[in-house]
Amino acid sequence: MKLIGKDGEITKFDYMHWPIFKEFRKTNQFLEAYENIFGVKFVKEEELETSDDNLPSEISDLIKTN
């Protein structure tokens, strides 16, 4: 993650949704790297409300662009 950085081919959205990261997302190593790279804490999908109106703006924007 650190080598890829925030401007690499793998995006925040990818880290949130790609199945390959499912188990890794549960680790402190992932959570710390994500926050260091993107400057925000990782929000687990199950912690979000189902309505787009309740999503943080950066998550809503990611959904709209992907």
PDB file of N, CA and C in Angstrom:
ATOM      1  N   MET A   1       0.824  -1.191   0.000  1.00  0.00           N
ATOM      2  CA  MET A   1       0.000   0.000   0.000  1.00  0.00           C
ATOM      3  C   MET A   1       0.866   1.251   0.000  1.00  0.00           C
ATOM      4  N   LYS A   2       1.906   1.225   0.812  1.00  0.00           N
ATOM      5  CA  LYS A   2       2.770   2.408   0.900  1.00  0.00           C
ATOM      6  C   LYS A   2       3.473   2.672  -0.425  1.00  0.00           C
ATOM      7  N   LEU A   3       3.885   1.620  -1.110  1.00  0.00           N
ATOM      8  CA  LEU A   3       4.553   1.800  -2.406  1.00  0.00           C
ATOM      9  C   LEU A   3       3.588   2.321  -3.468  1.00  0.00           C
ATOM     10  N   ILE A   4       2.359   1.891  -3.429  1.00  0.00           N
ATOM     11  CA  ILE A   4       1.356   2.328  -4.397  1.00  0.00           C
ATOM     12  C   ILE A   4       0.948   3.775  -4.119  1.00  0.00           C
ATOM     13  N   GLY A   5       0.807   4.117  -2.854  1.00  0.00           N
ATOM     14  CA  GLY A   5       0.455   5.484  -2.472  1.00  0.00           C
ATOM     15  C   GLY A   5      -0.974   5.854  -2.828  1.00  0.00           C
ATOM     16  N   LYS A   6      -1.293   7.130  -2.653  1.00  0.00           N
ATOM     17  CA  LYS A   6      -2.665   7.574  -2.891  1.00  0.00           C
ATOM     18  C   LYS A   6      -2.955   7.871  -4.357  1.00  0.00           C
ATOM     19  N   ASP A   7      -1.933   8.009  -5.164  1.00  0.00           N
ATOM     20  CA  ASP A   7      -2.136   8.316  -6.579  1.00  0.00           C
ATOM     21  C   ASP A   7      -1.860   7.129  -7.495  1.00  0.00           C
ATOM     22  N   GLY A   8      -1.768   5.934  -6.912  1.00  0.00           N
ATOM     23  CA  GLY A   8      -1.501   4.741  -7.710  1.00  0.00           C
ATOM     24  C   GLY A   8      -2.750   4.210  -8.382  1.00  0.00           C
ATOM     25  N   GLU A   9      -2.594   3.087  -9.043  1.00  0.00           N
ATOM     26  CA  GLU A   9      -3.704   2.502  -9.787  1.00  0.00           C
ATOM     27  C   GLU A   9      -4.788   1.930  -8.878  1.00  0.00           C
ATOM     28  N   ILE A  10      -4.445   1.596  -7.642  1.00  0.00           N
ATOM     29  CA  ILE A  10      -5.434   1.094  -6.694  1.00  0.00           C
ATOM     30  C   ILE A  10      -5.952   2.282  -5.893  1.00  0.00           C
ATOM     31  N   THR A  11      -7.257   2.466  -5.909  1.00  0.00           N
ATOM     32  CA  THR A  11      -7.884   3.627  -5.289  1.00  0.00           C
ATOM     33  C   THR A  11      -8.463   3.291  -3.917  1.00  0.00           C
ATOM     34  N   LYS A  12      -8.913   4.338  -3.217  1.00  0.00           N
ATOM     35  CA  LYS A  12      -9.601   4.134  -1.938  1.00  0.00           C
ATOM     36  C   LYS A  12     -10.793   3.202  -2.127  1.00  0.00           C
ATOM     37  N   PHE A  13     -11.536   3.429  -3.189  1.00  0.00           N
ATOM     38  CA  PHE A  13     -12.705   2.601  -3.486  1.00  0.00           C
ATOM     39  C   PHE A  13     -12.296   1.136  -3.638  1.00  0.00           C
ATOM     40  N   ASP A  14     -11.190   0.892  -4.323  1.00  0.00           N
ATOM     41  CA  ASP A  14     -10.704  -0.479  -4.523  1.00  0.00           C
ATOM     42  C   ASP A  14     -10.375  -1.135  -3.191  1.00  0.00           C
ATOM     43  N   TYR A  15      -9.685  -0.398  -2.326  1.00  0.00           N
ATOM     44  CA  TYR A  15      -9.355  -0.951  -1.008  1.00  0.00           C
ATOM     45  C   TYR A  15     -10.618  -1.286  -0.220  1.00  0.00           C
ATOM     46  N   MET A  16     -11.676  -0.518  -0.418  1.00  0.00           N
ATOM     47  CA  MET A  16     -12.931  -0.743   0.307  1.00  0.00           C
ATOM     48  C   MET A  16     -13.709  -1.943  -0.237  1.00  0.00           C
ATOM     49  N   HIS A  17     -13.637  -2.202  -1.537  1.00  0.00           N
ATOM     50  CA  HIS A  17     -14.557  -3.152  -2.146  1.00  0.00           C
ATOM     51  C   HIS A  17     -13.946  -4.409  -2.747  1.00  0.00           C
ATOM     52  N   TRP A  18     -12.689  -4.376  -3.117  1.00  0.00           N
ATOM     53  CA  TRP A  18     -12.115  -5.556  -3.753  1.00  0.00           C
ATOM     54  C   TRP A  18     -12.058  -6.727  -2.769  1.00  0.00           C
ATOM     55  N   PRO A  19     -12.567  -7.877  -3.162  1.00  0.00           N
ATOM     56  CA  PRO A  19     -12.565  -9.049  -2.274  1.00  0.00           C
ATOM     57  C   PRO A  19     -11.165  -9.477  -1.839  1.00  0.00           C
ATOM     58  N   ILE A  20     -10.166  -9.219  -2.653  1.00  0.00           N
ATOM     59  CA  ILE A  20      -8.808  -9.632  -2.288  1.00  0.00           C
ATOM     60  C   ILE A  20      -8.335  -8.968  -0.988  1.00  0.00           C
ATOM     61  N   PHE A  21      -8.900  -7.818  -0.656  1.00  0.00           N
ATOM     62  CA  PHE A  21      -8.505  -7.102   0.557  1.00  0.00           C
ATOM     63  C   PHE A  21      -9.412  -7.398   1.752  1.00  0.00           C
ATOM     64  N   LYS A  22     -10.384  -8.305   1.588  1.00  0.00           N
ATOM     65  CA  LYS A  22     -11.390  -8.557   2.628  1.00  0.00           C
ATOM     66  C   LYS A  22     -10.770  -8.850   3.994  1.00  0.00           C
ATOM     67  N   GLU A  23      -9.866  -9.781   4.074  1.00  0.00           N
ATOM     68  CA  GLU A  23      -9.251 -10.136   5.362  1.00  0.00           C
ATOM     69  C   GLU A  23      -8.242  -9.084   5.804  1.00  0.00           C
ATOM     70  N   PHE A  24      -7.511  -8.522   4.856  1.00  0.00           N
ATOM     71  CA  PHE A  24      -6.502  -7.507   5.166  1.00  0.00           C
ATOM     72  C   PHE A  24      -7.144  -6.268   5.793  1.00  0.00           C
ATOM     73  N   ARG A  25      -8.361  -5.920   5.340  1.00  0.00           N
ATOM     74  CA  ARG A  25      -9.059  -4.750   5.892  1.00  0.00           C
ATOM     75  C   ARG A  25      -9.332  -4.882   7.380  1.00  0.00           C
ATOM     76  N   LYS A  26      -9.312  -6.084   7.895  1.00  0.00           N
ATOM     77  CA  LYS A  26      -9.589  -6.337   9.318  1.00  0.00           C
ATOM     78  C   LYS A  26      -8.364  -6.121  10.209  1.00  0.00           C
ATOM     79  N   THR A  27      -7.200  -5.895   9.612  1.00  0.00           N
ATOM     80  CA  THR A  27      -5.961  -5.800  10.389  1.00  0.00           C
ATOM     81  C   THR A  27      -5.608  -4.347  10.735  1.00  0.00           C
ATOM     82  N   ASN A  28      -4.905  -4.213  11.844  1.00  0.00           N
ATOM     83  CA  ASN A  28      -4.405  -2.887  12.233  1.00  0.00           C
ATOM     84  C   ASN A  28      -3.406  -2.366  11.208  1.00  0.00           C
ATOM     85  N   GLN A  29      -2.642  -3.260  10.609  1.00  0.00           N
ATOM     86  CA  GLN A  29      -1.661  -2.861   9.595  1.00  0.00           C
ATOM     87  C   GLN A  29      -2.367  -2.150   8.441  1.00  0.00           C
ATOM     88  N   PHE A  30      -3.479  -2.703   7.981  1.00  0.00           N
ATOM     89  CA  PHE A  30      -4.241  -2.074   6.902  1.00  0.00           C
ATOM     90  C   PHE A  30      -4.798  -0.724   7.359  1.00  0.00           C
ATOM     91  N   LEU A  31      -5.440  -0.697   8.529  1.00  0.00           N
ATOM     92  CA  LEU A  31      -6.071   0.529   9.013  1.00  0.00           C
ATOM     93  C   LEU A  31      -5.061   1.667   9.168  1.00  0.00           C
ATOM     94  N   GLU A  32      -3.897   1.360   9.698  1.00  0.00           N
ATOM     95  CA  GLU A  32      -2.857   2.372   9.880  1.00  0.00           C
ATOM     96  C   GLU A  32      -2.308   2.854   8.529  1.00  0.00           C
ATOM     97  N   ALA A  33      -2.042   1.917   7.621  1.00  0.00           N
ATOM     98  CA  ALA A  33      -1.515   2.287   6.303  1.00  0.00           C
ATOM     99  C   ALA A  33      -2.537   3.128   5.540  1.00  0.00           C
ATOM    100  N   TYR A  34      -3.790   2.747   5.583  1.00  0.00           N
ATOM    101  CA  TYR A  34      -4.843   3.479   4.885  1.00  0.00           C
ATOM    102  C   TYR A  34      -4.913   4.918   5.381  1.00  0.00           C
ATOM    103  N   GLU A  35      -4.903   5.086   6.696  1.00  0.00           N
ATOM    104  CA  GLU A  35      -4.971   6.436   7.268  1.00  0.00           C
ATOM    105  C   GLU A  35      -3.722   7.247   6.926  1.00  0.00           C
ATOM    106  N   ASN A  36      -2.559   6.628   6.975  1.00  0.00           N
ATOM    107  CA  ASN A  36      -1.320   7.338   6.629  1.00  0.00           C
ATOM    108  C   ASN A  36      -1.296   7.765   5.170  1.00  0.00           C
ATOM    109  N   ILE A  37      -1.797   6.914   4.296  1.00  0.00           N
ATOM    110  CA  ILE A  37      -1.764   7.199   2.861  1.00  0.00           C
ATOM    111  C   ILE A  37      -2.814   8.227   2.460  1.00  0.00           C
ATOM    112  N   PHE A  38      -4.052   8.012   2.910  1.00  0.00           N
ATOM    113  CA  PHE A  38      -5.160   8.832   2.436  1.00  0.00           C
ATOM    114  C   PHE A  38      -5.546   9.975   3.377  1.00  0.00           C
ATOM    115  N   GLY A  39      -4.983   9.984   4.586  1.00  0.00           N
ATOM    116  CA  GLY A  39      -5.250  11.079   5.510  1.00  0.00           C
ATOM    117  C   GLY A  39      -6.612  11.026   6.181  1.00  0.00           C
ATOM    118  N   VAL A  40      -7.306   9.908   6.044  1.00  0.00           N
ATOM    119  CA  VAL A  40      -8.597   9.708   6.712  1.00  0.00           C
ATOM    120  C   VAL A  40      -8.662   8.282   7.232  1.00  0.00           C
ATOM    121  N   LYS A  41      -9.450   8.084   8.284  1.00  0.00           N
ATOM    122  CA  LYS A  41      -9.624   6.736   8.809  1.00  0.00           C
ATOM    123  C   LYS A  41     -10.477   5.925   7.854  1.00  0.00           C
ATOM    124  N   PHE A  42     -10.171   4.647   7.769  1.00  0.00           N
ATOM    125  CA  PHE A  42     -10.957   3.734   6.947  1.00  0.00           C
ATOM    126  C   PHE A  42     -12.304   3.509   7.617  1.00  0.00           C
ATOM    127  N   VAL A  43     -13.361   3.629   6.838  1.00  0.00           N
ATOM    128  CA  VAL A  43     -14.710   3.387   7.337  1.00  0.00           C
ATOM    129  C   VAL A  43     -15.188   2.073   6.747  1.00  0.00           C
ATOM    130  N   LYS A  44     -15.476   1.118   7.628  1.00  0.00           N
ATOM    131  CA  LYS A  44     -15.936  -0.183   7.163  1.00  0.00           C
ATOM    132  C   LYS A  44     -17.324  -0.043   6.567  1.00  0.00           C
ATOM    133  N   GLU A  45     -17.560  -0.776   5.510  1.00  0.00           N
ATOM    134  CA  GLU A  45     -18.827  -0.707   4.781  1.00  0.00           C
ATOM    135  C   GLU A  45     -20.026  -0.930   5.693  1.00  0.00           C
ATOM    136  N   GLU A  46     -19.911  -1.883   6.612  1.00  0.00           N
ATOM    137  CA  GLU A  46     -21.045  -2.186   7.474  1.00  0.00           C
ATOM    138  C   GLU A  46     -21.329  -1.078   8.483  1.00  0.00           C
ATOM    139  N   GLU A  47     -20.406  -0.145   8.653  1.00  0.00           N
ATOM    140  CA  GLU A  47     -20.612   0.977   9.564  1.00  0.00           C
ATOM    141  C   GLU A  47     -21.355   2.131   8.891  1.00  0.00           C
ATOM    142  N   LEU A  48     -21.469   2.081   7.570  1.00  0.00           N
ATOM    143  CA  LEU A  48     -22.126   3.148   6.833  1.00  0.00           C
ATOM    144  C   LEU A  48     -23.629   2.904   6.767  1.00  0.00           C
ATOM    145  N   GLU A  49     -24.398   3.978   6.735  1.00  0.00           N
ATOM    146  CA  GLU A  49     -25.837   3.881   6.514  1.00  0.00           C
ATOM    147  C   GLU A  49     -26.063   3.501   5.061  1.00  0.00           C
ATOM    148  N   THR A  50     -27.191   2.920   4.751  1.00  0.00           N
ATOM    149  CA  THR A  50     -27.458   2.491   3.387  1.00  0.00           C
ATOM    150  C   THR A  50     -27.835   3.643   2.466  1.00  0.00           C
ATOM    151  N   SER A  51     -28.294   4.746   3.007  1.00  0.00           N
ATOM    152  CA  SER A  51     -28.686   5.885   2.185  1.00  0.00           C
ATOM    153  C   SER A  51     -27.474   6.715   1.808  1.00  0.00           C
ATOM    154  N   ASP A  52     -27.377   7.094   0.515  1.00  0.00           N
ATOM    155  CA  ASP A  52     -26.271   7.938   0.070  1.00  0.00           C
ATOM    156  C   ASP A  52     -26.258   9.281   0.784  1.00  0.00           C
ATOM    157  N   ASP A  53     -27.417   9.741   1.255  1.00  0.00           N
ATOM    158  CA  ASP A  53     -27.487  11.019   1.958  1.00  0.00           C
ATOM    159  C   ASP A  53     -26.725  10.988   3.270  1.00  0.00           C
ATOM    160  N   ASN A  54     -26.523   9.803   3.836  1.00  0.00           N
ATOM    161  CA  ASN A  54     -25.846   9.670   5.115  1.00  0.00           C
ATOM    162  C   ASN A  54     -24.373   9.310   4.987  1.00  0.00           C
ATOM    163  N   LEU A  55     -23.904   9.139   3.753  1.00  0.00           N
ATOM    164  CA  LEU A  55     -22.508   8.788   3.538  1.00  0.00           C
ATOM    165  C   LEU A  55     -21.620  10.007   3.657  1.00  0.00           C
ATOM    166  N   PRO A  56     -20.400   9.827   4.179  1.00  0.00           N
ATOM    167  CA  PRO A  56     -19.442  10.943   4.130  1.00  0.00           C
ATOM    168  C   PRO A  56     -19.255  11.364   2.675  1.00  0.00           C
ATOM    169  N   SER A  57     -19.045  12.635   2.429  1.00  0.00           N
ATOM    170  CA  SER A  57     -18.993  13.146   1.063  1.00  0.00           C
ATOM    171  C   SER A  57     -17.924  12.460   0.216  1.00  0.00           C
ATOM    172  N   GLU A  58     -16.776  12.126   0.805  1.00  0.00           N
ATOM    173  CA  GLU A  58     -15.724  11.497  -0.005  1.00  0.00           C
ATOM    174  C   GLU A  58     -16.138  10.098  -0.450  1.00  0.00           C
ATOM    175  N   ILE A  59     -16.885   9.380   0.371  1.00  0.00           N
ATOM    176  CA  ILE A  59     -17.355   8.052  -0.001  1.00  0.00           C
ATOM    177  C   ILE A  59     -18.430   8.184  -1.098  1.00  0.00           C
ATOM    178  N   SER A  60     -19.337   9.101  -0.894  1.00  0.00           N
ATOM    179  CA  SER A  60     -20.395   9.349  -1.884  1.00  0.00           C
ATOM    180  C   SER A  60     -19.790   9.704  -3.232  1.00  0.00           C
ATOM    181  N   ASP A  61     -18.760  10.563  -3.225  1.00  0.00           N
ATOM    182  CA  ASP A  61     -18.093  10.963  -4.467  1.00  0.00           C
ATOM    183  C   ASP A  61     -17.430   9.764  -5.146  1.00  0.00           C
ATOM    184  N   LEU A  62     -16.808   8.886  -4.356  1.00  0.00           N
ATOM    185  CA  LEU A  62     -16.165   7.702  -4.907  1.00  0.00           C
ATOM    186  C   LEU A  62     -17.191   6.788  -5.578  1.00  0.00           C
ATOM    187  N   ILE A  63     -18.329   6.626  -4.948  1.00  0.00           N
ATOM    188  CA  ILE A  63     -19.372   5.768  -5.499  1.00  0.00           C
ATOM    189  C   ILE A  63     -19.857   6.333  -6.830  1.00  0.00           C
ATOM    190  N   LYS A  64     -20.027   7.643  -6.882  1.00  0.00           N
ATOM    191  CA  LYS A  64     -20.514   8.273  -8.095  1.00  0.00           C
ATOM    192  C   LYS A  64     -19.521   8.164  -9.239  1.00  0.00           C
ATOM    193  N   THR A  65     -18.206   8.184  -8.933  1.00  0.00           N
ATOM    194  CA  THR A  65     -17.193   8.168  -9.992  1.00  0.00           C
ATOM    195  C   THR A  65     -16.799   6.747 -10.389  1.00  0.00           C
ATOM    196  N   ASN A  66     -17.190   5.744  -9.597  1.00  0.00           N
ATOM    197  CA  ASN A  66     -16.837   4.358  -9.940  1.00  0.00           C
ATOM    198  C   ASN A  66     -18.057   3.641 -10.317  1.00  0.00           C
TER     199      ASN A  66
END
